[in-house]
Amino acid sequence: MLDKDTEYAFAKIKFIERYKSLAAKYQFNISESFEKYESNQVVNIINELGFEASFNKKEKFFKITEMHDDYKFQFNISLKYGVAEFIWSVWKNSELKMGGTWGLLKEQLDGLENDKVRKPIFRNYDELKEILADAFLIYGDFKREYMQQ
């Protein structure tokens, strides 16, 4: 369960609405998805958007880790099957404060398990870059609000 400060940060940035809007904008037939992306090309896109990422070959996800004062933020990005899934974790002084997929975080915030948000689907690098740019805006707003608690 999320603590009140975390819930407040999510509410302040309108996380649920923004997540639903991002996902709805990129709903395509899964048969159109871009499964054959190159991991180094995705790392380059992430770098262009201002973040440093590594690729975990074994688990097949991209990882961004940032330290801000006593906080460690981790943003994992899974792109399996041409579908973007985002996973966040936050530690304060080495203590895990919150973590989970955006879908799980949404459920913890609104309690609506039957109101699942379909993950965004991308068909090419341009759409992936747009999805990541929007996700990074949400992430930046969350970090700012979370650290003000």
C-alpha atoms as a PDB file:
ATOM      1  CA  MET A   1       0.000   0.000   0.000  1.00  0.00           C
ATOM      2  CA  LEU A   2       1.167   3.521  -0.729  1.00  0.00           C
ATOM      3  CA  ASP A   3       1.702   6.007   2.067  1.00  0.00           C
ATOM      4  CA  LYS A   4      -0.203   9.304   2.190  1.00  0.00           C
ATOM      5  CA  ASP A   5       2.755  11.388   0.983  1.00  0.00           C
ATOM      6  CA  THR A   6       3.193   9.164  -2.059  1.00  0.00           C
ATOM      7  CA  GLU A   7      -0.542   9.244  -2.800  1.00  0.00           C
ATOM      8  CA  TYR A   8      -0.466  13.032  -2.524  1.00  0.00           C
ATOM      9  CA  ALA A   9       2.443  13.285  -4.996  1.00  0.00           C
ATOM     10  CA  PHE A  10       0.580  11.062  -7.491  1.00  0.00           C
ATOM     11  CA  ALA A  11      -2.625  13.085  -7.050  1.00  0.00           C
ATOM     12  CA  LYS A  12      -0.795  16.390  -7.449  1.00  0.00           C
ATOM     13  CA  ILE A  13       0.645  15.375 -10.836  1.00  0.00           C
ATOM     14  CA  LYS A  14      -2.654  13.785 -11.958  1.00  0.00           C
ATOM     15  CA  PHE A  15      -0.861  10.475 -12.523  1.00  0.00           C
ATOM     16  CA  ILE A  16      -3.906   8.330 -13.275  1.00  0.00           C
ATOM     17  CA  GLU A  17      -5.355  10.758 -15.814  1.00  0.00           C
ATOM     18  CA  ARG A  18      -2.004  11.232 -17.530  1.00  0.00           C
ATOM     19  CA  TYR A  19      -1.291   7.503 -17.625  1.00  0.00           C
ATOM     20  CA  LYS A  20      -4.718   6.757 -19.105  1.00  0.00           C
ATOM     21  CA  SER A  21      -4.287   9.533 -21.680  1.00  0.00           C
ATOM     22  CA  LEU A  22      -0.838   8.307 -22.716  1.00  0.00           C
ATOM     23  CA  ALA A  23      -2.030   4.709 -23.017  1.00  0.00           C
ATOM     24  CA  ALA A  24      -5.176   5.655 -24.957  1.00  0.00           C
ATOM     25  CA  LYS A  25      -3.172   7.675 -27.471  1.00  0.00           C
ATOM     26  CA  TYR A  26      -1.133   4.595 -28.409  1.00  0.00           C
ATOM     27  CA  GLN A  27      -3.674   1.810 -28.753  1.00  0.00           C
ATOM     28  CA  PHE A  28      -3.049  -0.068 -31.961  1.00  0.00           C
ATOM     29  CA  ASN A  29      -3.570  -3.620 -33.049  1.00  0.00           C
ATOM     30  CA  ILE A  30      -0.864  -5.710 -31.401  1.00  0.00           C
ATOM     31  CA  SER A  31      -0.075  -7.233 -34.815  1.00  0.00           C
ATOM     32  CA  GLU A  32       1.233  -3.773 -35.826  1.00  0.00           C
ATOM     33  CA  SER A  33       3.614  -3.504 -32.877  1.00  0.00           C
ATOM     34  CA  PHE A  34       7.336  -2.986 -33.376  1.00  0.00           C
ATOM     35  CA  GLU A  35       8.878  -6.077 -31.788  1.00  0.00           C
ATOM     36  CA  LYS A  36      12.210  -6.046 -33.608  1.00  0.00           C
ATOM     37  CA  TYR A  37      13.656  -2.883 -32.090  1.00  0.00           C
ATOM     38  CA  GLU A  38      17.394  -2.605 -31.447  1.00  0.00           C
ATOM     39  CA  SER A  39      18.257  -2.102 -27.781  1.00  0.00           C
ATOM     40  CA  ASN A  40      21.151   0.247 -28.595  1.00  0.00           C
ATOM     41  CA  GLN A  41      18.772   2.413 -30.664  1.00  0.00           C
ATOM     42  CA  VAL A  42      16.389   2.623 -27.689  1.00  0.00           C
ATOM     43  CA  VAL A  43      19.276   3.592 -25.383  1.00  0.00           C
ATOM     44  CA  ASN A  44      20.150   6.351 -27.893  1.00  0.00           C
ATOM     45  CA  ILE A  45      16.540   7.616 -27.831  1.00  0.00           C
ATOM     46  CA  ILE A  46      16.543   7.642 -24.029  1.00  0.00           C
ATOM     47  CA  ASN A  47      19.858   9.535 -24.073  1.00  0.00           C
ATOM     48  CA  GLU A  48      18.410  12.079 -26.559  1.00  0.00           C
ATOM     49  CA  LEU A  49      15.559  12.626 -24.100  1.00  0.00           C
ATOM     50  CA  GLY A  50      18.070  13.505 -21.377  1.00  0.00           C
ATOM     51  CA  PHE A  51      18.436  10.264 -19.424  1.00  0.00           C
ATOM     52  CA  GLU A  52      21.220   7.736 -19.107  1.00  0.00           C
ATOM     53  CA  ALA A  53      20.002   4.169 -19.457  1.00  0.00           C
ATOM     54  CA  SER A  54      21.458   0.701 -19.426  1.00  0.00           C
ATOM     55  CA  PHE A  55      19.954  -2.409 -20.965  1.00  0.00           C
ATOM     56  CA  ASN A  56      19.599  -5.594 -18.931  1.00  0.00           C
ATOM     57  CA  LYS A  57      20.031  -8.307 -21.576  1.00  0.00           C
ATOM     58  CA  LYS A  58      18.962 -11.160 -19.302  1.00  0.00           C
ATOM     59  CA  GLU A  59      15.706  -9.560 -18.114  1.00  0.00           C
ATOM     60  CA  LYS A  60      15.255  -7.499 -21.310  1.00  0.00           C
ATOM     61  CA  PHE A  61      14.498  -4.103 -19.800  1.00  0.00           C
ATOM     62  CA  PHE A  62      16.021  -0.638 -19.826  1.00  0.00           C
ATOM     63  CA  LYS A  63      17.010   0.893 -16.496  1.00  0.00           C
ATOM     64  CA  ILE A  64      17.478   4.483 -15.435  1.00  0.00           C
ATOM     65  CA  THR A  65      18.777   5.132 -11.929  1.00  0.00           C
ATOM     66  CA  GLU A  66      19.053   8.606 -10.444  1.00  0.00           C
ATOM     67  CA  MET A  67      20.237   9.837  -7.072  1.00  0.00           C
ATOM     68  CA  HIS A  68      18.819  13.064  -5.590  1.00  0.00           C
ATOM     69  CA  ASP A  69      19.882  13.892  -2.038  1.00  0.00           C
ATOM     70  CA  ASP A  70      18.709  10.934   0.115  1.00  0.00           C
ATOM     71  CA  TYR A  71      16.538   9.531  -2.694  1.00  0.00           C
ATOM     72  CA  LYS A  72      17.247   6.886  -5.298  1.00  0.00           C
ATOM     73  CA  PHE A  73      14.786   6.731  -8.189  1.00  0.00           C
ATOM     74  CA  GLN A  74      14.731   3.808 -10.586  1.00  0.00           C
ATOM     75  CA  PHE A  75      12.737   3.785 -13.804  1.00  0.00           C
ATOM     76  CA  ASN A  76      12.621   0.452 -15.636  1.00  0.00           C
ATOM     77  CA  ILE A  77      11.179   0.234 -19.122  1.00  0.00           C
ATOM     78  CA  SER A  78      10.061  -3.050 -20.661  1.00  0.00           C
ATOM     79  CA  LEU A  79       9.334  -3.047 -24.388  1.00  0.00           C
ATOM     80  CA  LYS A  80       8.453  -6.710 -24.901  1.00  0.00           C
ATOM     81  CA  TYR A  81       6.291  -7.406 -27.940  1.00  0.00           C
ATOM     82  CA  GLY A  82       6.260  -3.702 -28.902  1.00  0.00           C
ATOM     83  CA  VAL A  83       4.331  -2.776 -25.771  1.00  0.00           C
ATOM     84  CA  ALA A  84       5.712  -0.194 -23.323  1.00  0.00           C
ATOM     85  CA  GLU A  85       5.509  -1.043 -19.636  1.00  0.00           C
ATOM     86  CA  PHE A  86       6.910   1.300 -17.008  1.00  0.00           C
ATOM     87  CA  ILE A  87       8.093   0.290 -13.553  1.00  0.00           C
ATOM     88  CA  TRP A  88       9.116   2.759 -10.844  1.00  0.00           C
ATOM     89  CA  SER A  89      10.900   2.311  -7.538  1.00  0.00           C
ATOM     90  CA  VAL A  90      11.917   4.875  -4.924  1.00  0.00           C
ATOM     91  CA  TRP A  91      14.262   4.451  -1.996  1.00  0.00           C
ATOM     92  CA  LYS A  92      14.978   6.955   0.756  1.00  0.00           C
ATOM     93  CA  ASN A  93      18.145   6.335   2.730  1.00  0.00           C
ATOM     94  CA  SER A  94      18.311   2.810   1.232  1.00  0.00           C
ATOM     95  CA  GLU A  95      14.758   1.972   2.403  1.00  0.00           C
ATOM     96  CA  LEU A  96      12.333   0.998  -0.354  1.00  0.00           C
ATOM     97  CA  LYS A  97       9.451   3.473  -0.142  1.00  0.00           C
ATOM     98  CA  MET A  98       7.400   2.439  -3.180  1.00  0.00           C
ATOM     99  CA  GLY A  99       7.597   0.487  -6.365  1.00  0.00           C
ATOM    100  CA  GLY A 100       5.626  -1.257  -9.059  1.00  0.00           C
ATOM    101  CA  THR A 101       4.368  -1.097 -12.583  1.00  0.00           C
ATOM    102  CA  TRP A 102       2.291   1.900 -13.573  1.00  0.00           C
ATOM    103  CA  GLY A 103      -0.719  -0.416 -13.765  1.00  0.00           C
ATOM    104  CA  LEU A 104      -0.192  -1.657 -10.214  1.00  0.00           C
ATOM    105  CA  LEU A 105       0.416   1.863  -8.905  1.00  0.00           C
ATOM    106  CA  LYS A 106      -2.806   3.021 -10.564  1.00  0.00           C
ATOM    107  CA  GLU A 107      -4.720   0.182  -8.869  1.00  0.00           C
ATOM    108  CA  GLN A 108      -3.189   1.055  -5.495  1.00  0.00           C
ATOM    109  CA  LEU A 109      -4.214   4.671  -5.962  1.00  0.00           C
ATOM    110  CA  ASP A 110      -7.811   4.184  -7.098  1.00  0.00           C
ATOM    111  CA  GLY A 111      -8.572   0.659  -5.883  1.00  0.00           C
ATOM    112  CA  LEU A 112     -10.133  -0.223  -9.228  1.00  0.00           C
ATOM    113  CA  GLU A 113      -8.692  -3.587 -10.202  1.00  0.00           C
ATOM    114  CA  ASN A 114     -11.319  -4.041 -12.917  1.00  0.00           C
ATOM    115  CA  ASP A 115     -10.384  -0.727 -14.581  1.00  0.00           C
ATOM    116  CA  LYS A 116      -7.132  -1.863 -16.183  1.00  0.00           C
ATOM    117  CA  VAL A 117      -5.251   0.494 -18.458  1.00  0.00           C
ATOM    118  CA  ARG A 118      -3.920  -1.130 -21.624  1.00  0.00           C
ATOM    119  CA  LYS A 119      -0.222  -0.450 -22.063  1.00  0.00           C
ATOM    120  CA  PRO A 120       0.858   1.801 -24.944  1.00  0.00           C
ATOM    121  CA  ILE A 121       1.806   0.027 -28.169  1.00  0.00           C
ATOM    122  CA  PHE A 122       4.422   1.456 -30.518  1.00  0.00           C
ATOM    123  CA  ARG A 123       4.857   0.714 -34.209  1.00  0.00           C
ATOM    124  CA  ASN A 124       8.159   2.478 -34.857  1.00  0.00           C
ATOM    125  CA  TYR A 125      10.964   4.417 -33.184  1.00  0.00           C
ATOM    126  CA  ASP A 126       9.173   7.751 -33.610  1.00  0.00           C
ATOM    127  CA  GLU A 127       6.141   6.556 -31.649  1.00  0.00           C
ATOM    128  CA  LEU A 128       8.387   4.995 -29.037  1.00  0.00           C
ATOM    129  CA  LYS A 129      10.221   8.304 -28.638  1.00  0.00           C
ATOM    130  CA  GLU A 130       6.889  10.137 -28.184  1.00  0.00           C
ATOM    131  CA  ILE A 131       5.724   7.590 -25.589  1.00  0.00           C
ATOM    132  CA  LEU A 132       9.008   7.831 -23.690  1.00  0.00           C
ATOM    133  CA  ALA A 133       8.993  11.649 -23.829  1.00  0.00           C
ATOM    134  CA  ASP A 134       5.507  11.714 -22.260  1.00  0.00           C
ATOM    135  CA  ALA A 135       6.488   9.090 -19.673  1.00  0.00           C
ATOM    136  CA  PHE A 136       9.603  11.084 -18.742  1.00  0.00           C
ATOM    137  CA  LEU A 137       7.513  14.233 -18.230  1.00  0.00           C
ATOM    138  CA  ILE A 138       5.289  12.319 -15.810  1.00  0.00           C
ATOM    139  CA  TYR A 139       8.383  10.861 -14.128  1.00  0.00           C
ATOM    140  CA  GLY A 140      10.013  14.286 -13.733  1.00  0.00           C
ATOM    141  CA  ASP A 141       6.855  15.761 -12.219  1.00  0.00           C
ATOM    142  CA  PHE A 142       6.564  12.799  -9.845  1.00  0.00           C
ATOM    143  CA  LYS A 143      10.179  13.106  -8.676  1.00  0.00           C
ATOM    144  CA  ARG A 144       9.757  16.822  -8.011  1.00  0.00           C
ATOM    145  CA  GLU A 145       6.532  16.378  -6.024  1.00  0.00           C
ATOM    146  CA  TYR A 146       7.749  13.303  -4.179  1.00  0.00           C
ATOM    147  CA  MET A 147      10.913  15.001  -2.922  1.00  0.00           C
ATOM    148  CA  GLN A 148       8.898  18.005  -1.673  1.00  0.00           C
ATOM    149  CA  GLN A 149       7.075  15.784   0.827  1.00  0.00           C
END
